[in-house]
Amino acid sequence: AIEITEALDRNAVKTRAIVQNASYEADCLRENVKRAKKIGATHLVLTRFDQVRNVAKIWDLLIEFELAPLFFSADDSLLSTMRVDPLKQLAGRTLGVT
């Protein structure tokens, strides 16, 4: 992890995104994000967002680890069903309007 962080720092990489399958269990997501934060992750990208039953686990990740969501997608492909306003999508799912 130190080598990765040093290489990213040396190349002035400021945006560091972790890509996660949103349907994973909350504990698994949390452990992966903890590791990503060690190399300076700043953003979260979620695949399979359509399969999330409890959106609270996503809110918890964003808040606990201070990650900005870049985008969410509805399947394994990052770009085919990309949602570019993830906070709006997350709020809609939370309130039951999407």
Protein backbone atom coordinates (compact mmCIF):
# COMPACT_ATOMS: atom_id res chain seq x y z
CA ALA A 1 0.00 0.00 0.00
CA ILE A 2 2.86 2.37 0.76
CA GLU A 3 4.35 1.91 -2.72
CA ILE A 4 1.00 2.64 -4.37
CA THR A 5 0.46 5.73 -2.24
CA GLU A 6 3.95 7.02 -3.00
CA ALA A 7 3.51 6.47 -6.75
CA LEU A 8 0.14 8.26 -6.74
CA ASP A 9 1.56 11.13 -4.69
CA ARG A 10 4.63 11.39 -6.91
CA ASN A 11 2.38 11.71 -9.97
CA ALA A 12 0.10 14.23 -8.24
CA VAL A 13 -2.97 11.97 -8.48
CA LYS A 14 -5.57 13.69 -6.32
CA THR A 15 -8.73 11.74 -7.20
CA ARG A 16 -8.53 8.12 -6.08
CA ALA A 17 -11.68 6.08 -6.49
CA ILE A 18 -12.55 2.72 -5.08
CA VAL A 19 -14.96 0.64 -7.18
CA GLN A 20 -17.22 -1.68 -5.20
CA ASN A 21 -20.08 -4.05 -5.89
CA ALA A 22 -22.87 -2.41 -3.88
CA SER A 23 -24.60 -5.74 -3.28
CA TYR A 24 -21.74 -6.93 -1.01
CA GLU A 25 -22.44 -7.20 2.70
CA ALA A 26 -21.81 -4.03 4.72
CA ASP A 27 -18.84 -5.54 6.60
CA CYS A 28 -17.14 -6.53 3.36
CA LEU A 29 -17.66 -3.07 1.85
CA ARG A 30 -16.35 -1.44 5.02
CA GLU A 31 -13.16 -3.54 5.06
CA ASN A 32 -12.45 -2.84 1.40
CA VAL A 33 -12.99 0.89 1.88
CA LYS A 34 -10.71 0.89 4.94
CA ARG A 35 -7.94 -0.57 2.77
CA ALA A 36 -8.62 1.94 0.00
CA LYS A 37 -8.50 4.85 2.44
CA LYS A 38 -4.97 3.78 3.39
CA ILE A 39 -3.88 4.68 -0.15
CA GLY A 40 -5.86 7.89 -0.11
CA ALA A 41 -9.20 6.95 -1.68
CA THR A 42 -11.32 10.07 -2.12
CA HIS A 43 -14.31 8.79 -4.10
CA LEU A 44 -16.64 5.82 -4.28
CA VAL A 45 -18.00 4.15 -7.41
CA LEU A 46 -20.67 1.50 -6.95
CA THR A 47 -21.74 -1.20 -9.38
CA ARG A 48 -24.96 -3.21 -8.98
CA PHE A 49 -26.60 -0.34 -7.09
CA ASP A 50 -29.97 -1.63 -8.28
CA GLN A 51 -29.48 -4.74 -6.13
CA VAL A 52 -29.02 -2.86 -2.84
CA ARG A 53 -31.86 -3.58 -0.46
CA ASN A 54 -30.64 -1.48 2.45
CA VAL A 55 -29.26 1.87 1.30
CA ALA A 56 -28.28 2.75 4.88
CA LYS A 57 -25.06 0.77 4.39
CA ILE A 58 -24.14 3.10 1.50
CA TRP A 59 -24.87 6.23 3.54
CA ASP A 60 -22.75 4.77 6.35
CA LEU A 61 -19.78 4.27 4.02
CA LEU A 62 -19.99 7.75 2.56
CA ILE A 63 -20.26 9.41 5.95
CA GLU A 64 -17.86 7.23 7.98
CA PHE A 65 -15.07 7.34 5.43
CA GLU A 66 -15.78 10.81 4.01
CA LEU A 67 -15.97 9.57 0.43
CA ALA A 68 -17.58 11.50 -2.39
CA PRO A 69 -19.68 9.31 -4.70
CA LEU A 70 -18.56 9.63 -8.34
CA PHE A 71 -21.33 7.52 -9.85
CA PHE A 72 -23.39 4.37 -9.41
CA SER A 73 -24.22 1.80 -12.06
CA ALA A 74 -26.94 -0.82 -12.20
CA ASP A 75 -24.88 -3.78 -13.39
CA ASP A 76 -21.28 -4.98 -13.60
CA SER A 77 -20.43 -2.59 -16.42
CA LEU A 78 -19.25 0.73 -15.10
CA LEU A 79 -20.57 2.81 -17.99
CA SER A 80 -23.58 1.07 -19.51
CA THR A 81 -26.07 2.17 -16.86
CA MET A 82 -24.15 4.93 -15.16
CA ARG A 83 -26.02 7.40 -12.95
CA VAL A 84 -24.14 10.67 -12.85
CA ASP A 85 -26.02 12.15 -9.89
CA PRO A 86 -25.45 9.47 -7.25
CA LEU A 87 -26.55 11.53 -4.24
CA LYS A 88 -29.89 12.24 -5.91
CA GLN A 89 -30.25 8.56 -6.73
CA LEU A 90 -29.31 7.52 -3.19
CA ALA A 91 -31.71 10.03 -1.64
CA GLY A 92 -34.47 8.82 -3.95
CA ARG A 93 -33.90 5.20 -2.93
CA THR A 94 -33.80 6.25 0.73
CA LEU A 95 -37.13 8.07 0.44
CA GLY A 96 -38.68 5.39 -1.76
CA VAL A 97 -39.26 7.64 -4.77
CA THR A 98 -37.10 5.78 -7.30
